[in-house]
Amino acid sequence: MTDIVENDNLITMVDVGETIYGAERRKKKFLFIRTLIIGLCVIVVLFSEAVFVTLYTGIYIIDGSMTPTLTGANSPYKKGGDYIYINTHAKPERGDIVVVYSPNTTNSYTDKLIKRVVAFGGEWVELKAGVLYVNDEEVKESYISAEKNRPTEPYNTFARHQVAEGCMFLLGDNRNDSVDSRAQKYGDIPLKNLVGVVPDWSLRSKSSSTAFYTFFHFTLFGN
């Protein structure tokens, strides 16, 4: 009878030991899997960030030539401008907003222009009292505000012009107040001057991008 009790106690102790050991193993397994998942997430985030940095770069808008599509600050040191991203590997299409190196570089803030592509090399472009024509066909521009495109403004009438091969004809959305391809000092912009194209997602998310940039650049670091 004593042997049976001892055996029963031994079995009970073994069961308890196995339960504790099993729980410890499960805990270690859970911690390993959790650590592995976190590590993989970190790798994915770092890889995605590396890819993003390779493809995109940010730009702070500091003039009003793209109003109302984009808002520009009075200077790079003041709040009020939009912060957007550009794809430095994309090829532009008609209607895209692009950033290009200015043919007349002056300094790090004014050596780039942000405008909209309205025509490419070989195409004919014309403005009649604010109405855009490409290859003699009227272009509907939903992004243009009437108050920023006064038909009586002499600058908003531009004689029919054929864009040079390998170039783009660029216009600001604020047609009343945009120094662009209509100006003699710029004219047709060579495709080789292209810095990047503004993707649609960047325009849609400009509010959050701008808030993030403003907080870190102006608020956190007190610029």
Protein backbone atom coordinates (compact mmCIF):
# COMPACT_ATOMS: atom_id res chain seq x y z
CA MET A 1 0.00 0.00 0.00
CA THR A 2 2.86 2.34 0.84
CA ASP A 3 4.54 1.58 -2.48
CA ILE A 4 1.38 2.50 -4.35
CA VAL A 5 1.09 5.83 -2.55
CA GLU A 6 4.72 6.60 -3.20
CA ASN A 7 4.27 5.74 -6.85
CA ASP A 8 1.16 7.90 -7.03
CA ASN A 9 3.09 10.80 -5.47
CA LEU A 10 5.93 10.22 -7.93
CA ILE A 11 3.51 10.30 -10.86
CA THR A 12 1.93 13.46 -9.52
CA MET A 13 5.30 15.12 -9.12
CA VAL A 14 6.32 14.12 -12.63
CA ASP A 15 3.07 15.52 -14.02
CA VAL A 16 3.59 18.79 -12.18
CA GLY A 17 7.19 18.96 -13.38
CA GLU A 18 6.18 18.34 -16.95
CA THR A 19 3.46 20.99 -16.68
CA ILE A 20 5.91 23.58 -15.33
CA TYR A 21 8.56 22.60 -17.89
CA GLY A 22 5.99 22.72 -20.70
CA ALA A 23 4.77 26.14 -19.61
CA GLU A 24 8.36 27.38 -19.51
CA ARG A 25 9.00 25.99 -22.98
CA ARG A 26 5.84 27.63 -24.33
CA LYS A 27 6.87 30.93 -22.73
CA LYS A 28 10.32 30.76 -24.30
CA LYS A 29 8.81 29.78 -27.64
CA PHE A 30 6.37 32.71 -27.45
CA LEU A 31 9.19 35.14 -26.59
CA PHE A 32 11.28 33.79 -29.47
CA ILE A 33 8.43 34.13 -31.96
CA ARG A 34 7.59 37.63 -30.70
CA THR A 35 11.24 38.69 -30.95
CA LEU A 36 11.46 37.18 -34.43
CA ILE A 37 8.32 39.02 -35.57
CA ILE A 38 9.56 42.34 -34.13
CA GLY A 39 12.94 41.81 -35.79
CA LEU A 40 11.30 41.07 -39.13
CA CYS A 41 9.09 44.15 -38.78
CA VAL A 42 12.14 46.31 -38.07
CA ILE A 43 13.90 44.89 -41.13
CA VAL A 44 10.85 45.53 -43.31
CA VAL A 45 10.54 49.10 -42.01
CA LEU A 46 14.23 49.83 -42.54
CA PHE A 47 14.13 48.29 -46.02
CA SER A 48 11.00 50.24 -46.93
CA GLU A 49 12.58 53.44 -45.65
CA ALA A 50 15.72 52.77 -47.68
CA VAL A 51 13.63 52.19 -50.81
CA PHE A 52 11.56 55.30 -50.11
CA VAL A 53 14.65 57.48 -49.64
CA THR A 54 16.07 56.08 -52.87
CA LEU A 55 12.94 56.90 -54.88
CA TYR A 56 11.63 60.03 -53.19
CA THR A 57 12.84 63.32 -51.81
CA GLY A 58 10.93 66.07 -50.01
CA ILE A 59 10.57 69.70 -51.03
CA TYR A 60 9.19 72.72 -49.16
CA ILE A 61 7.14 75.11 -51.29
CA ILE A 62 8.23 78.73 -50.92
CA ASP A 63 6.39 80.64 -53.63
CA GLY A 64 2.82 81.12 -54.77
CA SER A 65 3.16 80.07 -58.40
CA MET A 66 1.24 76.82 -57.87
CA THR A 67 -1.72 78.26 -55.95
CA PRO A 68 -4.32 76.89 -55.32
CA THR A 69 -2.87 73.41 -55.85
CA LEU A 70 0.08 74.09 -53.58
CA THR A 71 0.60 76.80 -50.99
CA GLY A 72 3.97 78.50 -50.75
CA ALA A 73 5.61 80.17 -47.75
CA ASN A 74 7.12 83.65 -47.97
CA SER A 75 10.58 82.23 -47.32
CA PRO A 76 12.21 78.90 -46.46
CA TYR A 77 12.52 80.11 -42.88
CA LYS A 78 8.82 80.78 -42.31
CA LYS A 79 5.80 78.56 -41.82
CA GLY A 80 2.96 78.46 -44.30
CA GLY A 81 4.25 76.36 -47.17
CA ASP A 82 3.27 72.84 -48.22
CA TYR A 83 5.74 70.00 -47.90
CA ILE A 84 5.50 67.36 -50.59
CA TYR A 85 7.47 64.45 -52.00
CA ILE A 86 8.74 63.98 -55.53
CA ASN A 87 9.63 60.77 -57.33
CA THR A 88 13.15 61.26 -58.61
CA HIS A 89 12.92 58.25 -60.94
CA ALA A 90 9.57 58.91 -62.65
CA LYS A 91 9.10 60.14 -66.20
CA PRO A 92 6.71 63.09 -66.54
CA GLU A 93 3.47 63.04 -68.47
CA ARG A 94 1.39 65.95 -69.65
CA GLY A 95 -0.46 67.42 -66.67
CA ASP A 96 2.09 66.26 -64.09
CA ILE A 97 3.57 68.64 -61.55
CA VAL A 98 7.35 68.50 -61.79
CA VAL A 99 10.40 69.95 -60.11
CA VAL A 100 13.20 71.04 -62.42
CA TYR A 101 16.56 72.70 -62.12
CA SER A 102 16.29 76.30 -63.21
CA PRO A 103 18.35 77.27 -66.26
CA ASN A 104 19.43 80.26 -64.14
CA THR A 105 20.77 78.85 -60.89
CA THR A 106 21.24 81.40 -58.12
CA ASN A 107 21.19 79.60 -54.77
CA SER A 108 20.03 76.43 -53.05
CA TYR A 109 16.47 77.68 -52.61
CA THR A 110 15.82 79.26 -56.00
CA ASP A 111 17.70 76.90 -58.27
CA LYS A 112 14.61 74.70 -58.59
CA LEU A 113 11.22 75.41 -60.12
CA ILE A 114 7.97 73.58 -59.42
CA LYS A 115 5.47 73.83 -62.27
CA ARG A 116 3.04 71.79 -64.32
CA VAL A 117 3.95 70.14 -67.64
CA VAL A 118 1.52 71.23 -70.35
CA ALA A 119 3.41 70.21 -73.50
CA PHE A 120 6.46 68.32 -74.72
CA GLY A 121 8.95 68.70 -77.55
CA GLY A 122 7.32 69.02 -80.97
CA GLU A 123 3.91 69.99 -79.59
CA TRP A 124 2.29 73.36 -80.15
CA VAL A 125 1.16 75.36 -77.13
CA GLU A 126 -0.90 78.54 -76.98
CA LEU A 127 -2.78 80.60 -74.41
CA LYS A 128 -5.80 82.66 -75.43
CA ALA A 129 -7.12 84.87 -72.63
CA GLY A 130 -6.21 82.23 -70.09
CA VAL A 131 -7.43 79.24 -72.09
CA LEU A 132 -4.75 76.65 -72.82
CA TYR A 133 -4.45 74.99 -76.22
CA VAL A 134 -2.10 72.14 -77.05
CA ASN A 135 -1.84 71.14 -80.70
CA ASP A 136 -4.76 73.52 -81.35
CA GLU A 137 -7.06 71.62 -78.97
CA GLU A 138 -8.42 73.23 -75.81
CA VAL A 139 -7.19 71.67 -72.58
CA LYS A 140 -9.64 71.49 -69.69
CA GLU A 141 -7.73 72.45 -66.54
CA SER A 142 -9.78 71.63 -63.45
CA TYR A 143 -6.87 72.57 -61.21
CA ILE A 144 -6.93 76.22 -62.30
CA SER A 145 -8.78 78.81 -60.22
CA ALA A 146 -10.56 81.56 -62.19
CA GLU A 147 -9.22 84.26 -59.87
CA LYS A 148 -5.69 83.04 -60.53
CA ASN A 149 -6.19 83.08 -64.29
CA ARG A 150 -7.64 86.44 -65.29
CA PRO A 151 -8.42 86.50 -69.02
CA THR A 152 -7.64 90.23 -69.23
CA GLU A 153 -4.12 89.73 -67.91
CA PRO A 154 -1.74 90.20 -70.87
CA TYR A 155 0.54 87.52 -69.44
CA ASN A 156 -2.27 84.98 -69.86
CA THR A 157 -2.22 85.30 -73.61
CA PHE A 158 0.74 83.57 -75.23
CA ALA A 159 1.33 83.26 -78.95
CA ARG A 160 1.28 79.81 -80.56
CA HIS A 161 4.67 78.23 -79.92
CA GLN A 162 6.26 74.89 -80.81
CA VAL A 163 8.16 73.34 -77.94
CA ALA A 164 11.76 72.45 -78.72
CA GLU A 165 12.64 68.77 -78.99
CA GLY A 166 13.82 67.22 -75.74
CA CYS A 167 12.11 69.95 -73.73
CA MET A 168 8.97 70.62 -71.68
CA PHE A 169 6.73 73.66 -71.58
CA LEU A 170 5.89 74.43 -67.97
CA LEU A 171 3.20 76.64 -66.47
CA GLY A 172 2.33 77.49 -62.88
CA ASP A 173 -1.24 76.92 -61.73
CA ASN A 174 -1.31 80.53 -60.58
CA ARG A 175 -1.22 81.87 -64.13
CA ASN A 176 -1.42 85.50 -62.99
CA ASP A 177 1.75 85.28 -60.97
CA SER A 178 4.02 82.50 -62.19
CA VAL A 179 7.39 82.95 -63.82
CA ASP A 180 7.50 79.90 -66.07
CA SER A 181 8.09 78.88 -69.68
CA ARG A 182 6.28 82.03 -70.83
CA ALA A 183 9.19 84.08 -69.47
CA GLN A 184 12.09 84.63 -71.82
CA LYS A 185 14.64 83.77 -69.12
CA TYR A 186 13.23 80.24 -68.83
CA GLY A 187 11.42 79.28 -72.03
CA ASP A 188 11.34 75.56 -72.85
CA ILE A 189 12.91 73.52 -70.06
CA PRO A 190 15.17 70.62 -71.13
CA LEU A 191 14.11 67.18 -69.89
CA LYS A 192 17.63 66.75 -68.57
CA ASN A 193 16.81 69.45 -65.98
CA LEU A 194 14.13 67.26 -64.44
CA VAL A 195 14.55 66.64 -60.71
CA GLY A 196 11.37 64.62 -60.17
CA VAL A 197 7.62 64.23 -60.56
CA VAL A 198 5.08 64.90 -57.81
CA PRO A 199 2.98 61.72 -57.42
CA ASP A 200 -0.76 61.91 -56.82
CA TRP A 201 -0.46 60.30 -53.38
CA SER A 202 1.86 63.10 -52.27
CA LEU A 203 -0.73 65.72 -53.23
CA ARG A 204 -3.46 63.80 -51.40
CA SER A 205 -1.35 63.46 -48.24
CA LYS A 206 0.22 66.93 -48.29
CA SER A 207 -1.65 68.02 -45.15
CA SER A 208 -0.12 65.29 -42.98
CA SER A 209 3.31 65.63 -44.63
CA THR A 210 3.24 69.38 -44.08
CA ALA A 211 2.14 69.04 -40.44
CA PHE A 212 4.93 66.55 -39.77
CA TYR A 213 7.55 68.73 -41.47
CA THR A 214 6.32 71.90 -39.78
CA PHE A 215 6.43 70.31 -36.33
CA PHE A 216 9.99 69.04 -36.67
CA HIS A 217 11.49 71.85 -38.74
CA PHE A 218 9.86 74.87 -37.15
CA THR A 219 8.42 73.79 -33.79
CA LEU A 220 10.77 71.14 -32.43
CA PHE A 221 13.97 72.73 -33.66
CA GLY A 222 12.73 76.30 -33.42
CA ASN A 223 13.58 77.39 -36.97
